Amino acid sequence: MNLIHLSKTNFIDEVKNSDVPVLIDFWAEWCGPCKMMGPVFEELSGEYEGKLKFAKLNTEEEPELSNDFGIRGIPSLLFVKNGKEVDRIVGFAPKETLKLKIDEALSKL
């Protein structure tokens, strides 16, 4: 499992300059659905190694980055390629549903 924890200091290197698409989990410590999504997100991160980078961004710690992407509800999962959003999933999704959505998004890239 290769989870990256994003901040202002590593965002450009890990997201904008990434060779592969990045799936960013926008979350907060107080968010119940985010806590449910966390283990599912972590588990899936190992299944897409080399195809998709998995990253977490705490909206409380990095409000500017959250605002830059127009995050209004969490958890929000954003597919980012070349620094630009290409797809979005808002709300909790069970593993199988999330896996289908990831595969669908990857097929479009």
N, C-alpha and C. Protein backbone atom coordinates (compact mmCIF):
# COMPACT_ATOMS: atom_id res chain seq x y z
N MET A 1 0.85 -1.18 0.00
CA MET A 1 0.00 0.00 0.00
C MET A 1 0.89 1.24 0.00
N ASN A 2 0.70 2.06 -0.99
CA ASN A 2 1.52 3.25 -1.16
C ASN A 2 0.68 4.50 -1.08
N LEU A 3 0.29 4.88 0.12
CA LEU A 3 -0.51 6.09 0.30
C LEU A 3 0.41 7.28 0.51
N ILE A 4 0.08 8.36 -0.16
CA ILE A 4 0.83 9.60 -0.01
C ILE A 4 -0.06 10.57 0.75
N HIS A 5 0.51 11.24 1.72
CA HIS A 5 -0.23 12.28 2.45
C HIS A 5 0.18 13.62 1.87
N LEU A 6 -0.80 14.29 1.26
CA LEU A 6 -0.52 15.53 0.54
C LEU A 6 -0.53 16.75 1.45
N SER A 7 0.32 17.69 1.10
CA SER A 7 0.36 19.00 1.75
C SER A 7 0.80 20.00 0.68
N LYS A 8 0.82 21.26 1.03
CA LYS A 8 1.27 22.30 0.10
C LYS A 8 2.70 22.02 -0.36
N THR A 9 3.51 21.47 0.53
CA THR A 9 4.93 21.29 0.22
C THR A 9 5.19 20.18 -0.79
N ASN A 10 4.35 19.14 -0.84
CA ASN A 10 4.62 18.04 -1.78
C ASN A 10 3.59 17.94 -2.90
N PHE A 11 2.60 18.83 -2.93
CA PHE A 11 1.51 18.72 -3.90
C PHE A 11 2.00 18.79 -5.35
N ILE A 12 2.86 19.72 -5.66
CA ILE A 12 3.33 19.87 -7.04
C ILE A 12 4.09 18.62 -7.48
N ASP A 13 5.00 18.14 -6.65
CA ASP A 13 5.78 16.94 -7.01
C ASP A 13 4.90 15.71 -7.13
N GLU A 14 3.99 15.51 -6.18
CA GLU A 14 3.22 14.27 -6.12
C GLU A 14 2.01 14.26 -7.05
N VAL A 15 1.45 15.42 -7.36
CA VAL A 15 0.23 15.47 -8.17
C VAL A 15 0.49 16.09 -9.54
N LYS A 16 0.91 17.33 -9.56
CA LYS A 16 1.07 18.03 -10.85
C LYS A 16 2.18 17.42 -11.71
N ASN A 17 3.24 16.93 -11.10
CA ASN A 17 4.36 16.36 -11.85
C ASN A 17 4.33 14.84 -11.89
N SER A 18 3.22 14.23 -11.54
CA SER A 18 3.12 12.77 -11.50
C SER A 18 3.05 12.18 -12.90
N ASP A 19 3.77 11.07 -13.10
CA ASP A 19 3.75 10.36 -14.39
C ASP A 19 2.45 9.59 -14.59
N VAL A 20 1.80 9.23 -13.48
CA VAL A 20 0.55 8.47 -13.54
C VAL A 20 -0.57 9.31 -12.94
N PRO A 21 -1.83 9.00 -13.29
CA PRO A 21 -2.95 9.73 -12.67
C PRO A 21 -2.93 9.55 -11.15
N VAL A 22 -3.52 10.50 -10.46
CA VAL A 22 -3.56 10.47 -8.99
C VAL A 22 -5.02 10.47 -8.54
N LEU A 23 -5.34 9.61 -7.59
CA LEU A 23 -6.66 9.61 -6.96
C LEU A 23 -6.48 10.22 -5.57
N ILE A 24 -7.08 11.38 -5.36
CA ILE A 24 -6.94 12.11 -4.09
C ILE A 24 -8.20 11.93 -3.26
N ASP A 25 -8.01 11.47 -2.03
CA ASP A 25 -9.10 11.35 -1.06
C ASP A 25 -9.09 12.60 -0.19
N PHE A 26 -10.06 13.49 -0.41
CA PHE A 26 -10.23 14.68 0.43
C PHE A 26 -11.08 14.26 1.62
N TRP A 27 -10.56 14.42 2.84
CA TRP A 27 -11.20 13.90 4.04
C TRP A 27 -10.94 14.82 5.22
N ALA A 28 -11.61 14.53 6.35
CA ALA A 28 -11.36 15.24 7.61
C ALA A 28 -11.54 14.24 8.75
N GLU A 29 -10.85 14.49 9.82
CA GLU A 29 -10.86 13.60 10.99
C GLU A 29 -12.26 13.44 11.60
N TRP A 30 -13.07 14.49 11.57
CA TRP A 30 -14.39 14.48 12.20
C TRP A 30 -15.48 13.83 11.33
N CYS A 31 -15.15 13.46 10.10
CA CYS A 31 -16.13 12.99 9.12
C CYS A 31 -16.32 11.47 9.22
N GLY A 32 -17.52 11.05 9.63
CA GLY A 32 -17.83 9.62 9.76
C GLY A 32 -17.67 8.84 8.46
N PRO A 33 -18.31 9.30 7.35
CA PRO A 33 -18.13 8.59 6.07
C PRO A 33 -16.67 8.54 5.61
N CYS A 34 -15.89 9.58 5.96
CA CYS A 34 -14.46 9.58 5.60
C CYS A 34 -13.74 8.45 6.33
N LYS A 35 -14.10 8.24 7.59
CA LYS A 35 -13.48 7.16 8.37
C LYS A 35 -13.85 5.80 7.80
N MET A 36 -15.05 5.68 7.25
CA MET A 36 -15.46 4.42 6.61
C MET A 36 -14.71 4.24 5.28
N MET A 37 -14.47 5.32 4.57
CA MET A 37 -13.81 5.25 3.27
C MET A 37 -12.31 4.96 3.41
N GLY A 38 -11.70 5.42 4.49
CA GLY A 38 -10.26 5.28 4.68
C GLY A 38 -9.72 3.87 4.46
N PRO A 39 -10.25 2.86 5.16
CA PRO A 39 -9.73 1.50 4.98
C PRO A 39 -9.96 0.95 3.57
N VAL A 40 -11.08 1.31 2.95
CA VAL A 40 -11.38 0.87 1.58
C VAL A 40 -10.35 1.49 0.62
N PHE A 41 -10.10 2.77 0.78
CA PHE A 41 -9.14 3.50 -0.05
C PHE A 41 -7.74 2.90 0.09
N GLU A 42 -7.35 2.64 1.34
CA GLU A 42 -6.03 2.06 1.61
C GLU A 42 -5.90 0.67 1.00
N GLU A 43 -6.92 -0.13 1.13
CA GLU A 43 -6.90 -1.49 0.58
C GLU A 43 -6.75 -1.46 -0.94
N LEU A 44 -7.49 -0.58 -1.60
CA LEU A 44 -7.42 -0.49 -3.05
C LEU A 44 -6.10 0.08 -3.56
N SER A 45 -5.42 0.85 -2.72
CA SER A 45 -4.17 1.47 -3.17
C SER A 45 -3.14 0.43 -3.60
N GLY A 46 -3.15 -0.74 -3.00
CA GLY A 46 -2.21 -1.78 -3.37
C GLY A 46 -2.54 -2.47 -4.68
N GLU A 47 -3.78 -2.37 -5.12
CA GLU A 47 -4.23 -3.07 -6.32
C GLU A 47 -3.94 -2.31 -7.61
N TYR A 48 -3.57 -1.05 -7.52
CA TYR A 48 -3.37 -0.24 -8.72
C TYR A 48 -1.95 0.30 -8.83
N GLU A 49 -1.02 -0.34 -8.17
CA GLU A 49 0.36 0.13 -8.16
C GLU A 49 0.90 0.25 -9.58
N GLY A 50 1.48 1.39 -9.90
CA GLY A 50 2.02 1.63 -11.23
C GLY A 50 1.01 2.22 -12.21
N LYS A 51 -0.28 2.07 -11.91
CA LYS A 51 -1.33 2.58 -12.80
C LYS A 51 -1.97 3.85 -12.25
N LEU A 52 -2.02 3.94 -10.92
CA LEU A 52 -2.73 5.03 -10.26
C LEU A 52 -2.08 5.29 -8.91
N LYS A 53 -1.81 6.55 -8.63
CA LYS A 53 -1.23 6.93 -7.35
C LYS A 53 -2.37 7.30 -6.40
N PHE A 54 -2.33 6.80 -5.18
CA PHE A 54 -3.35 7.09 -4.18
C PHE A 54 -2.80 8.09 -3.16
N ALA A 55 -3.56 9.16 -2.95
CA ALA A 55 -3.11 10.22 -2.04
C ALA A 55 -4.27 10.68 -1.16
N LYS A 56 -3.94 11.10 0.05
CA LYS A 56 -4.94 11.62 0.99
C LYS A 56 -4.62 13.08 1.29
N LEU A 57 -5.68 13.88 1.37
CA LEU A 57 -5.51 15.28 1.69
C LEU A 57 -6.52 15.66 2.77
N ASN A 58 -6.01 16.05 3.93
CA ASN A 58 -6.86 16.45 5.04
C ASN A 58 -7.36 17.88 4.78
N THR A 59 -8.67 18.02 4.62
CA THR A 59 -9.24 19.33 4.28
C THR A 59 -9.09 20.36 5.40
N GLU A 60 -8.96 19.88 6.63
CA GLU A 60 -8.78 20.80 7.76
C GLU A 60 -7.36 21.37 7.78
N GLU A 61 -6.39 20.55 7.37
CA GLU A 61 -4.99 20.97 7.39
C GLU A 61 -4.61 21.75 6.13
N GLU A 62 -5.31 21.50 5.02
CA GLU A 62 -4.98 22.15 3.75
C GLU A 62 -6.23 22.75 3.09
N PRO A 63 -6.87 23.73 3.76
CA PRO A 63 -8.10 24.30 3.20
C PRO A 63 -7.90 24.98 1.85
N GLU A 64 -6.73 25.55 1.60
CA GLU A 64 -6.51 26.22 0.31
C GLU A 64 -6.53 25.22 -0.84
N LEU A 65 -5.89 24.07 -0.67
CA LEU A 65 -5.90 23.06 -1.72
C LEU A 65 -7.31 22.52 -1.93
N SER A 66 -8.05 22.34 -0.84
CA SER A 66 -9.44 21.89 -0.95
C SER A 66 -10.27 22.90 -1.73
N ASN A 67 -10.09 24.16 -1.43
CA ASN A 67 -10.82 25.22 -2.14
C ASN A 67 -10.44 25.29 -3.61
N ASP A 68 -9.16 25.06 -3.90
CA ASP A 68 -8.70 25.10 -5.30
C ASP A 68 -9.45 24.09 -6.16
N PHE A 69 -9.86 22.97 -5.56
CA PHE A 69 -10.59 21.94 -6.29
C PHE A 69 -12.09 22.00 -6.06
N GLY A 70 -12.56 23.03 -5.36
CA GLY A 70 -14.00 23.22 -5.16
C GLY A 70 -14.64 22.12 -4.34
N ILE A 71 -13.94 21.65 -3.33
CA ILE A 71 -14.47 20.59 -2.47
C ILE A 71 -15.56 21.18 -1.58
N ARG A 72 -16.77 20.64 -1.71
CA ARG A 72 -17.91 21.12 -0.92
C ARG A 72 -18.44 20.05 0.02
N GLY A 73 -18.16 18.78 -0.29
CA GLY A 73 -18.60 17.67 0.55
C GLY A 73 -17.50 16.63 0.62
N ILE A 74 -17.40 15.98 1.77
CA ILE A 74 -16.39 14.94 1.92
C ILE A 74 -17.04 13.67 2.45
N PRO A 75 -16.49 12.52 2.15
CA PRO A 75 -15.28 12.33 1.35
C PRO A 75 -15.53 12.64 -0.12
N SER A 76 -14.53 13.21 -0.75
CA SER A 76 -14.53 13.42 -2.19
C SER A 76 -13.25 12.81 -2.74
N LEU A 77 -13.41 11.98 -3.76
CA LEU A 77 -12.26 11.37 -4.42
C LEU A 77 -12.14 12.01 -5.80
N LEU A 78 -10.98 12.59 -6.07
CA LEU A 78 -10.75 13.25 -7.35
C LEU A 78 -9.66 12.54 -8.13
N PHE A 79 -9.96 12.26 -9.39
CA PHE A 79 -8.97 11.73 -10.30
C PHE A 79 -8.29 12.93 -10.95
N VAL A 80 -6.98 13.00 -10.82
CA VAL A 80 -6.23 14.13 -11.35
C VAL A 80 -5.15 13.59 -12.30
N LYS A 81 -5.12 14.18 -13.49
CA LYS A 81 -4.08 13.83 -14.46
C LYS A 81 -3.48 15.12 -14.97
N ASN A 82 -2.16 15.19 -14.96
CA ASN A 82 -1.43 16.40 -15.38
C ASN A 82 -1.90 17.63 -14.60
N GLY A 83 -2.22 17.43 -13.32
CA GLY A 83 -2.62 18.54 -12.46
C GLY A 83 -4.05 18.99 -12.61
N LYS A 84 -4.82 18.35 -13.49
CA LYS A 84 -6.21 18.76 -13.73
C LYS A 84 -7.17 17.64 -13.35
N GLU A 85 -8.29 18.01 -12.75
CA GLU A 85 -9.32 17.04 -12.39
C GLU A 85 -9.96 16.46 -13.64
N VAL A 86 -10.09 15.13 -13.68
CA VAL A 86 -10.73 14.48 -14.81
C VAL A 86 -11.99 13.71 -14.41
N ASP A 87 -12.15 13.46 -13.12
CA ASP A 87 -13.35 12.77 -12.63
C ASP A 87 -13.45 12.96 -11.13
N ARG A 88 -14.65 12.71 -10.58
CA ARG A 88 -14.89 12.94 -9.15
C ARG A 88 -15.93 11.96 -8.64
N ILE A 89 -15.69 11.47 -7.42
CA ILE A 89 -16.66 10.63 -6.71
C ILE A 89 -16.89 11.30 -5.36
N VAL A 90 -18.15 11.60 -5.04
CA VAL A 90 -18.45 12.25 -3.76
C VAL A 90 -19.26 11.29 -2.90
N GLY A 91 -18.85 11.18 -1.65
CA GLY A 91 -19.55 10.31 -0.70
C GLY A 91 -18.91 8.95 -0.58
N PHE A 92 -19.33 8.21 0.43
CA PHE A 92 -18.79 6.88 0.68
C PHE A 92 -19.23 5.91 -0.42
N ALA A 93 -18.34 5.03 -0.80
CA ALA A 93 -18.67 3.95 -1.74
C ALA A 93 -18.02 2.67 -1.22
N PRO A 94 -18.75 1.55 -1.21
CA PRO A 94 -18.13 0.30 -0.80
C PRO A 94 -17.04 -0.12 -1.79
N LYS A 95 -16.19 -1.03 -1.38
CA LYS A 95 -15.01 -1.40 -2.16
C LYS A 95 -15.35 -1.78 -3.61
N GLU A 96 -16.30 -2.65 -3.82
CA GLU A 96 -16.60 -3.11 -5.18
C GLU A 96 -17.10 -1.97 -6.06
N THR A 97 -17.93 -1.10 -5.50
CA THR A 97 -18.44 0.06 -6.25
C THR A 97 -17.29 1.00 -6.59
N LEU A 98 -16.45 1.25 -5.62
CA LEU A 98 -15.32 2.15 -5.84
C LEU A 98 -14.36 1.57 -6.88
N LYS A 99 -14.12 0.27 -6.82
CA LYS A 99 -13.24 -0.40 -7.78
C LYS A 99 -13.81 -0.24 -9.21
N LEU A 100 -15.10 -0.42 -9.38
CA LEU A 100 -15.73 -0.24 -10.69
C LEU A 100 -15.56 1.19 -11.19
N LYS A 101 -15.75 2.16 -10.30
CA LYS A 101 -15.62 3.57 -10.69
C LYS A 101 -14.18 3.91 -11.04
N ILE A 102 -13.22 3.34 -10.31
CA ILE A 102 -11.80 3.58 -10.61
C ILE A 102 -11.47 2.98 -11.97
N ASP A 103 -11.91 1.73 -12.21
CA ASP A 103 -11.62 1.09 -13.50
C ASP A 103 -12.23 1.88 -14.65
N GLU A 104 -13.45 2.37 -14.46
CA GLU A 104 -14.12 3.17 -15.49
C GLU A 104 -13.35 4.46 -15.77
N ALA A 105 -12.93 5.14 -14.70
CA ALA A 105 -12.18 6.40 -14.87
C ALA A 105 -10.84 6.14 -15.56
N LEU A 106 -10.16 5.07 -15.19
CA LEU A 106 -8.87 4.75 -15.80
C LEU A 106 -9.03 4.42 -17.29
N SER A 107 -10.13 3.80 -17.65
CA SER A 107 -10.35 3.43 -19.05
C SER A 107 -10.52 4.67 -19.94
N LYS A 108 -10.91 5.78 -19.34
CA LYS A 108 -11.12 7.03 -20.10
C LYS A 108 -9.83 7.84 -20.25
N LEU A 109 -8.82 7.51 -19.45
CA LEU A 109 -7.57 8.31 -19.45
C LEU A 109 -6.60 7.85 -20.51
